[in-house]
Amino acid sequence: MVEVTRLNGSKLWVNALHIELVEETPDTYITLYNGKKVIVREPASEVIRQVTAYLQTIGALAGTMKLHTTEEQS
């Protein structure tokens, strides 16, 4: 889960595995796989940093990197 702040100042925790898209236009929109969108105060780079840190914590990023490396060698 990543912690973000809605425009009204309330905290929200989003499941990082459900994030499909993060866009900054100039507000930051997080689009989930179910189509729901959340507008947050944090810049897109901060949301992406938090998602990457979460994926590293659960080992999902390392698994993806190993798979990617294996695919390149073939």
PDB file of N, CA and C in Angstrom:
ATOM      1  N   MET A   1       0.846  -1.172   0.000  1.00  0.00           N
ATOM      2  CA  MET A   1       0.000   0.000   0.000  1.00  0.00           C
ATOM      3  C   MET A   1       0.893   1.238   0.000  1.00  0.00           C
ATOM      4  N   VAL A   2       0.453   2.259  -0.720  1.00  0.00           N
ATOM      5  CA  VAL A   2       1.172   3.531  -0.726  1.00  0.00           C
ATOM      6  C   VAL A   2       0.250   4.602  -0.161  1.00  0.00           C
ATOM      7  N   GLU A   3       0.826   5.507   0.590  1.00  0.00           N
ATOM      8  CA  GLU A   3       0.060   6.582   1.217  1.00  0.00           C
ATOM      9  C   GLU A   3       0.102   7.823   0.341  1.00  0.00           C
ATOM     10  N   VAL A   4      -1.067   8.350   0.033  1.00  0.00           N
ATOM     11  CA  VAL A   4      -1.184   9.579  -0.749  1.00  0.00           C
ATOM     12  C   VAL A   4      -2.184  10.507  -0.052  1.00  0.00           C
ATOM     13  N   THR A   5      -2.254  11.746  -0.513  1.00  0.00           N
ATOM     14  CA  THR A   5      -3.136  12.736   0.089  1.00  0.00           C
ATOM     15  C   THR A   5      -4.119  13.244  -0.951  1.00  0.00           C
ATOM     16  N   ARG A   6      -5.399  13.152  -0.641  1.00  0.00           N
ATOM     17  CA  ARG A   6      -6.422  13.707  -1.531  1.00  0.00           C
ATOM     18  C   ARG A   6      -6.305  15.225  -1.536  1.00  0.00           C
ATOM     19  N   LEU A   7      -6.954  15.876  -2.488  1.00  0.00           N
ATOM     20  CA  LEU A   7      -6.893  17.322  -2.577  1.00  0.00           C
ATOM     21  C   LEU A   7      -7.466  18.005  -1.337  1.00  0.00           C
ATOM     22  N   ASN A   8      -8.414  17.354  -0.642  1.00  0.00           N
ATOM     23  CA  ASN A   8      -9.013  17.946   0.551  1.00  0.00           C
ATOM     24  C   ASN A   8      -8.155  17.735   1.801  1.00  0.00           C
ATOM     25  N   GLY A   9      -6.993  17.089   1.662  1.00  0.00           N
ATOM     26  CA  GLY A   9      -6.069  16.891   2.771  1.00  0.00           C
ATOM     27  C   GLY A   9      -6.191  15.558   3.483  1.00  0.00           C
ATOM     28  N   SER A  10      -7.204  14.768   3.169  1.00  0.00           N
ATOM     29  CA  SER A  10      -7.353  13.472   3.830  1.00  0.00           C
ATOM     30  C   SER A  10      -6.379  12.455   3.245  1.00  0.00           C
ATOM     31  N   LYS A  11      -5.909  11.564   4.114  1.00  0.00           N
ATOM     32  CA  LYS A  11      -4.962  10.521   3.698  1.00  0.00           C
ATOM     33  C   LYS A  11      -5.713   9.367   3.061  1.00  0.00           C
ATOM     34  N   LEU A  12      -5.044   8.712   2.122  1.00  0.00           N
ATOM     35  CA  LEU A  12      -5.619   7.582   1.414  1.00  0.00           C
ATOM     36  C   LEU A  12      -4.497   6.584   1.174  1.00  0.00           C
ATOM     37  N   TRP A  13      -4.786   5.304   1.364  1.00  0.00           N
ATOM     38  CA  TRP A  13      -3.809   4.258   1.087  1.00  0.00           C
ATOM     39  C   TRP A  13      -4.306   3.466  -0.110  1.00  0.00           C
ATOM     40  N   VAL A  14      -3.470   3.395  -1.130  1.00  0.00           N
ATOM     41  CA  VAL A  14      -3.832   2.749  -2.382  1.00  0.00           C
ATOM     42  C   VAL A  14      -3.011   1.475  -2.537  1.00  0.00           C
ATOM     43  N   ASN A  15      -3.668   0.409  -2.971  1.00  0.00           N
ATOM     44  CA  ASN A  15      -2.963  -0.842  -3.234  1.00  0.00           C
ATOM     45  C   ASN A  15      -2.100  -0.643  -4.482  1.00  0.00           C
ATOM     46  N   ALA A  16      -0.793  -0.691  -4.299  1.00  0.00           N
ATOM     47  CA  ALA A  16       0.144  -0.432  -5.394  1.00  0.00           C
ATOM     48  C   ALA A  16      -0.023  -1.423  -6.541  1.00  0.00           C
ATOM     49  N   LEU A  17      -0.488  -2.624  -6.234  1.00  0.00           N
ATOM     50  CA  LEU A  17      -0.655  -3.638  -7.267  1.00  0.00           C
ATOM     51  C   LEU A  17      -1.880  -3.380  -8.140  1.00  0.00           C
ATOM     52  N   HIS A  18      -2.743  -2.470  -7.723  1.00  0.00           N
ATOM     53  CA  HIS A  18      -3.952  -2.154  -8.490  1.00  0.00           C
ATOM     54  C   HIS A  18      -3.803  -0.900  -9.338  1.00  0.00           C
ATOM     55  N   ILE A  19      -2.636  -0.241  -9.261  1.00  0.00           N
ATOM     56  CA  ILE A  19      -2.418   0.982 -10.032  1.00  0.00           C
ATOM     57  C   ILE A  19      -2.088   0.619 -11.475  1.00  0.00           C
ATOM     58  N   GLU A  20      -2.859   1.196 -12.386  1.00  0.00           N
ATOM     59  CA  GLU A  20      -2.622   0.985 -13.806  1.00  0.00           C
ATOM     60  C   GLU A  20      -1.842   2.142 -14.415  1.00  0.00           C
ATOM     61  N   LEU A  21      -2.150   3.363 -13.965  1.00  0.00           N
ATOM     62  CA  LEU A  21      -1.589   4.546 -14.610  1.00  0.00           C
ATOM     63  C   LEU A  21      -1.451   5.671 -13.603  1.00  0.00           C
ATOM     64  N   VAL A  22      -0.345   6.423 -13.694  1.00  0.00           N
ATOM     65  CA  VAL A  22      -0.165   7.638 -12.908  1.00  0.00           C
ATOM     66  C   VAL A  22       0.130   8.744 -13.905  1.00  0.00           C
ATOM     67  N   GLU A  23      -0.686   9.808 -13.878  1.00  0.00           N
ATOM     68  CA  GLU A  23      -0.472  10.911 -14.819  1.00  0.00           C
ATOM     69  C   GLU A  23      -0.537  12.240 -14.089  1.00  0.00           C
ATOM     70  N   GLU A  24       0.200  13.212 -14.610  1.00  0.00           N
ATOM     71  CA  GLU A  24       0.282  14.531 -14.005  1.00  0.00           C
ATOM     72  C   GLU A  24      -0.152  15.555 -15.052  1.00  0.00           C
ATOM     73  N   THR A  25      -1.304  16.224 -14.802  1.00  0.00           N
ATOM     74  CA  THR A  25      -1.870  17.094 -15.849  1.00  0.00           C
ATOM     75  C   THR A  25      -2.511  18.377 -15.342  1.00  0.00           C
ATOM     76  N   PRO A  26      -2.071  19.273 -14.583  1.00  0.00           N
ATOM     77  CA  PRO A  26      -0.924  19.233 -13.675  1.00  0.00           C
ATOM     78  C   PRO A  26      -1.227  18.497 -12.374  1.00  0.00           C
ATOM     79  N   ASP A  27      -2.527  18.284 -12.033  1.00  0.00           N
ATOM     80  CA  ASP A  27      -2.840  17.460 -10.863  1.00  0.00           C
ATOM     81  C   ASP A  27      -2.421  16.021 -11.148  1.00  0.00           C
ATOM     82  N   THR A  28      -2.114  15.288 -10.095  1.00  0.00           N
ATOM     83  CA  THR A  28      -1.713  13.894 -10.269  1.00  0.00           C
ATOM     84  C   THR A  28      -2.938  12.999 -10.155  1.00  0.00           C
ATOM     85  N   TYR A  29      -3.187  12.236 -11.209  1.00  0.00           N
ATOM     86  CA  TYR A  29      -4.294  11.273 -11.256  1.00  0.00           C
ATOM     87  C   TYR A  29      -3.717   9.868 -11.154  1.00  0.00           C
ATOM     88  N   ILE A  30      -4.297   9.065 -10.275  1.00  0.00           N
ATOM     89  CA  ILE A  30      -3.954   7.647 -10.192  1.00  0.00           C
ATOM     90  C   ILE A  30      -5.161   6.888 -10.722  1.00  0.00           C
ATOM     91  N   THR A  31      -4.948   6.100 -11.772  1.00  0.00           N
ATOM     92  CA  THR A  31      -6.020   5.286 -12.334  1.00  0.00           C
ATOM     93  C   THR A  31      -5.786   3.839 -11.921  1.00  0.00           C
ATOM     94  N   LEU A  32      -6.825   3.230 -11.352  1.00  0.00           N
ATOM     95  CA  LEU A  32      -6.746   1.840 -10.925  1.00  0.00           C
ATOM     96  C   LEU A  32      -7.272   0.922 -12.027  1.00  0.00           C
ATOM     97  N   TYR A  33      -6.985  -0.364 -11.920  1.00  0.00           N
ATOM     98  CA  TYR A  33      -7.409  -1.318 -12.936  1.00  0.00           C
ATOM     99  C   TYR A  33      -8.921  -1.395 -13.095  1.00  0.00           C
ATOM    100  N   ASN A  34      -9.674  -1.047 -12.048  1.00  0.00           N
ATOM    101  CA  ASN A  34     -11.134  -1.080 -12.154  1.00  0.00           C
ATOM    102  C   ASN A  34     -11.698   0.189 -12.799  1.00  0.00           C
ATOM    103  N   GLY A  35     -10.820   1.115 -13.208  1.00  0.00           N
ATOM    104  CA  GLY A  35     -11.241   2.341 -13.871  1.00  0.00           C
ATOM    105  C   GLY A  35     -11.418   3.525 -12.939  1.00  0.00           C
ATOM    106  N   LYS A  36     -11.409   3.294 -11.631  1.00  0.00           N
ATOM    107  CA  LYS A  36     -11.562   4.383 -10.676  1.00  0.00           C
ATOM    108  C   LYS A  36     -10.332   5.278 -10.718  1.00  0.00           C
ATOM    109  N   LYS A  37     -10.565   6.603 -10.634  1.00  0.00           N
ATOM    110  CA  LYS A  37      -9.472   7.569 -10.630  1.00  0.00           C
ATOM    111  C   LYS A  37      -9.463   8.314  -9.314  1.00  0.00           C
ATOM    112  N   VAL A  38      -8.258   8.592  -8.825  1.00  0.00           N
ATOM    113  CA  VAL A  38      -8.075   9.344  -7.593  1.00  0.00           C
ATOM    114  C   VAL A  38      -7.135  10.501  -7.908  1.00  0.00           C
ATOM    115  N   ILE A  39      -7.516  11.703  -7.492  1.00  0.00           N
ATOM    116  CA  ILE A  39      -6.652  12.874  -7.663  1.00  0.00           C
ATOM    117  C   ILE A  39      -5.926  13.095  -6.346  1.00  0.00           C
ATOM    118  N   VAL A  40      -4.605  13.238  -6.405  1.00  0.00           N
ATOM    119  CA  VAL A  40      -3.810  13.372  -5.185  1.00  0.00           C
ATOM    120  C   VAL A  40      -2.889  14.583  -5.260  1.00  0.00           C
ATOM    121  N   ARG A  41      -2.420  15.017  -4.095  1.00  0.00           N
ATOM    122  CA  ARG A  41      -1.532  16.186  -3.997  1.00  0.00           C
ATOM    123  C   ARG A  41      -0.092  15.878  -4.402  1.00  0.00           C
ATOM    124  N   GLU A  42       0.347  14.658  -4.171  1.00  0.00           N
ATOM    125  CA  GLU A  42       1.748  14.303  -4.445  1.00  0.00           C
ATOM    126  C   GLU A  42       2.030  14.362  -5.941  1.00  0.00           C
ATOM    127  N   PRO A  43       3.249  14.757  -6.317  1.00  0.00           N
ATOM    128  CA  PRO A  43       3.625  14.707  -7.731  1.00  0.00           C
ATOM    129  C   PRO A  43       3.727  13.250  -8.199  1.00  0.00           C
ATOM    130  N   ALA A  44       3.584  13.035  -9.481  1.00  0.00           N
ATOM    131  CA  ALA A  44       3.641  11.683 -10.047  1.00  0.00           C
ATOM    132  C   ALA A  44       4.946  10.987  -9.681  1.00  0.00           C
ATOM    133  N   SER A  45       6.050  11.723  -9.684  1.00  0.00           N
ATOM    134  CA  SER A  45       7.349  11.118  -9.362  1.00  0.00           C
ATOM    135  C   SER A  45       7.360  10.537  -7.946  1.00  0.00           C
ATOM    136  N   GLU A  46       6.683  11.189  -6.997  1.00  0.00           N
ATOM    137  CA  GLU A  46       6.621  10.678  -5.620  1.00  0.00           C
ATOM    138  C   GLU A  46       5.767   9.417  -5.537  1.00  0.00           C
ATOM    139  N   VAL A  47       4.653   9.398  -6.252  1.00  0.00           N
ATOM    140  CA  VAL A  47       3.796   8.207  -6.263  1.00  0.00           C
ATOM    141  C   VAL A  47       4.567   7.032  -6.860  1.00  0.00           C
ATOM    142  N   ILE A  48       5.253   7.277  -7.955  1.00  0.00           N
ATOM    143  CA  ILE A  48       6.037   6.218  -8.607  1.00  0.00           C
ATOM    144  C   ILE A  48       7.155   5.734  -7.687  1.00  0.00           C
ATOM    145  N   ARG A  49       7.798   6.649  -6.968  1.00  0.00           N
ATOM    146  CA  ARG A  49       8.851   6.262  -6.029  1.00  0.00           C
ATOM    147  C   ARG A  49       8.289   5.352  -4.937  1.00  0.00           C
ATOM    148  N   GLN A  50       7.120   5.711  -4.406  1.00  0.00           N
ATOM    149  CA  GLN A  50       6.493   4.893  -3.366  1.00  0.00           C
ATOM    150  C   GLN A  50       6.090   3.512  -3.892  1.00  0.00           C
ATOM    151  N   VAL A  51       5.558   3.466  -5.105  1.00  0.00           N
ATOM    152  CA  VAL A  51       5.167   2.180  -5.699  1.00  0.00           C
ATOM    153  C   VAL A  51       6.397   1.304  -5.892  1.00  0.00           C
ATOM    154  N   THR A  52       7.473   1.892  -6.405  1.00  0.00           N
ATOM    155  CA  THR A  52       8.716   1.140  -6.621  1.00  0.00           C
ATOM    156  C   THR A  52       9.266   0.613  -5.302  1.00  0.00           C
ATOM    157  N   ALA A  53       9.254   1.449  -4.259  1.00  0.00           N
ATOM    158  CA  ALA A  53       9.732   1.021  -2.940  1.00  0.00           C
ATOM    159  C   ALA A  53       8.874  -0.117  -2.396  1.00  0.00           C
ATOM    160  N   TYR A  54       7.567  -0.026  -2.578  1.00  0.00           N
ATOM    161  CA  TYR A  54       6.666  -1.094  -2.119  1.00  0.00           C
ATOM    162  C   TYR A  54       6.960  -2.398  -2.867  1.00  0.00           C
ATOM    163  N   LEU A  55       7.113  -2.319  -4.173  1.00  0.00           N
ATOM    164  CA  LEU A  55       7.387  -3.515  -4.960  1.00  0.00           C
ATOM    165  C   LEU A  55       8.718  -4.153  -4.560  1.00  0.00           C
ATOM    166  N   GLN A  56       9.701  -3.322  -4.228  1.00  0.00           N
ATOM    167  CA  GLN A  56      10.975  -3.858  -3.754  1.00  0.00           C
ATOM    168  C   GLN A  56      10.799  -4.541  -2.401  1.00  0.00           C
ATOM    169  N   THR A  57       9.961  -3.960  -1.545  1.00  0.00           N
ATOM    170  CA  THR A  57       9.728  -4.518  -0.220  1.00  0.00           C
ATOM    171  C   THR A  57       9.125  -5.914  -0.288  1.00  0.00           C
ATOM    172  N   ILE A  58       8.190  -6.121  -1.197  1.00  0.00           N
ATOM    173  CA  ILE A  58       7.536  -7.429  -1.288  1.00  0.00           C
ATOM    174  C   ILE A  58       8.254  -8.376  -2.244  1.00  0.00           C
ATOM    175  N   GLY A  59       9.318  -7.902  -2.874  1.00  0.00           N
ATOM    176  CA  GLY A  59      10.109  -8.752  -3.758  1.00  0.00           C
ATOM    177  C   GLY A  59       9.570  -8.864  -5.174  1.00  0.00           C
ATOM    178  N   ALA A  60       8.527  -8.135  -5.496  1.00  0.00           N
ATOM    179  CA  ALA A  60       7.932  -8.228  -6.832  1.00  0.00           C
ATOM    180  C   ALA A  60       8.830  -7.621  -7.898  1.00  0.00           C
ATOM    181  N   LEU A  61       9.535  -6.560  -7.572  1.00  0.00           N
ATOM    182  CA  LEU A  61      10.403  -5.911  -8.541  1.00  0.00           C
ATOM    183  C   LEU A  61      11.597  -6.797  -8.875  1.00  0.00           C
ATOM    184  N   ALA A  62      12.159  -7.460  -7.879  1.00  0.00           N
ATOM    185  CA  ALA A  62      13.300  -8.347  -8.106  1.00  0.00           C
ATOM    186  C   ALA A  62      12.902  -9.511  -8.998  1.00  0.00           C
ATOM    187  N   GLY A  63      11.720 -10.059  -8.786  1.00  0.00           N
ATOM    188  CA  GLY A  63      11.237 -11.154  -9.617  1.00  0.00           C
ATOM    189  C   GLY A  63      11.061 -10.731 -11.056  1.00  0.00           C
ATOM    190  N   THR A  64      10.583  -9.532 -11.256  1.00  0.00           N
ATOM    191  CA  THR A  64      10.412  -9.003 -12.612  1.00  0.00           C
ATOM    192  C   THR A  64      11.762  -8.791 -13.265  1.00  0.00           C
ATOM    193  N   MET A  65      12.728  -8.282 -12.509  1.00  0.00           N
ATOM    194  CA  MET A  65      14.050  -8.018 -13.073  1.00  0.00           C
ATOM    195  C   MET A  65      14.730  -9.323 -13.476  1.00  0.00           C
ATOM    196  N   LYS A  66      14.597 -10.370 -12.682  1.00  0.00           N
ATOM    197  CA  LYS A  66      15.204 -11.656 -13.019  1.00  0.00           C
ATOM    198  C   LYS A  66      14.574 -12.234 -14.278  1.00  0.00           C
ATOM    199  N   LEU A  67      13.265 -12.126 -14.402  1.00  0.00           N
ATOM    200  CA  LEU A  67      12.577 -12.610 -15.577  1.00  0.00           C
ATOM    201  C   LEU A  67      13.030 -11.829 -16.803  1.00  0.00           C
ATOM    202  N   HIS A  68      13.157 -10.528 -16.658  1.00  0.00           N
ATOM    203  CA  HIS A  68      13.601  -9.673 -17.764  1.00  0.00           C
ATOM    204  C   HIS A  68      15.013 -10.059 -18.199  1.00  0.00           C
ATOM    205  N   THR A  69      15.903 -10.284 -17.258  1.00  0.00           N
ATOM    206  CA  THR A  69      17.275 -10.663 -17.561  1.00  0.00           C
ATOM    207  C   THR A  69      17.292 -12.003 -18.301  1.00  0.00           C
ATOM    208  N   THR A  70      16.486 -12.954 -17.872  1.00  0.00           N
ATOM    209  CA  THR A  70      16.422 -14.267 -18.504  1.00  0.00           C
ATOM    210  C   THR A  70      15.940 -14.134 -19.942  1.00  0.00           C
ATOM    211  N   GLU A  71      14.956 -13.270 -20.166  1.00  0.00           N
ATOM    212  CA  GLU A  71      14.427 -13.085 -21.519  1.00  0.00           C
ATOM    213  C   GLU A  71      15.465 -12.480 -22.453  1.00  0.00           C
ATOM    214  N   GLU A  72      16.309 -11.589 -21.937  1.00  0.00           N
ATOM    215  CA  GLU A  72      17.318 -10.942 -22.772  1.00  0.00           C
ATOM    216  C   GLU A  72      18.387 -11.946 -23.233  1.00  0.00           C
ATOM    217  N   GLN A  73      18.703 -12.942 -22.398  1.00  0.00           N
ATOM    218  CA  GLN A  73      19.760 -13.883 -22.723  1.00  0.00           C
ATOM    219  C   GLN A  73      19.328 -14.882 -23.799  1.00  0.00           C
ATOM    220  N   SER A  74      18.062 -15.094 -23.983  1.00  0.00           N
ATOM    221  CA  SER A  74      17.592 -16.091 -24.938  1.00  0.00           C
ATOM    222  C   SER A  74      17.814 -15.684 -26.355  1.00  0.00           C
TER     223      SER A  74
END
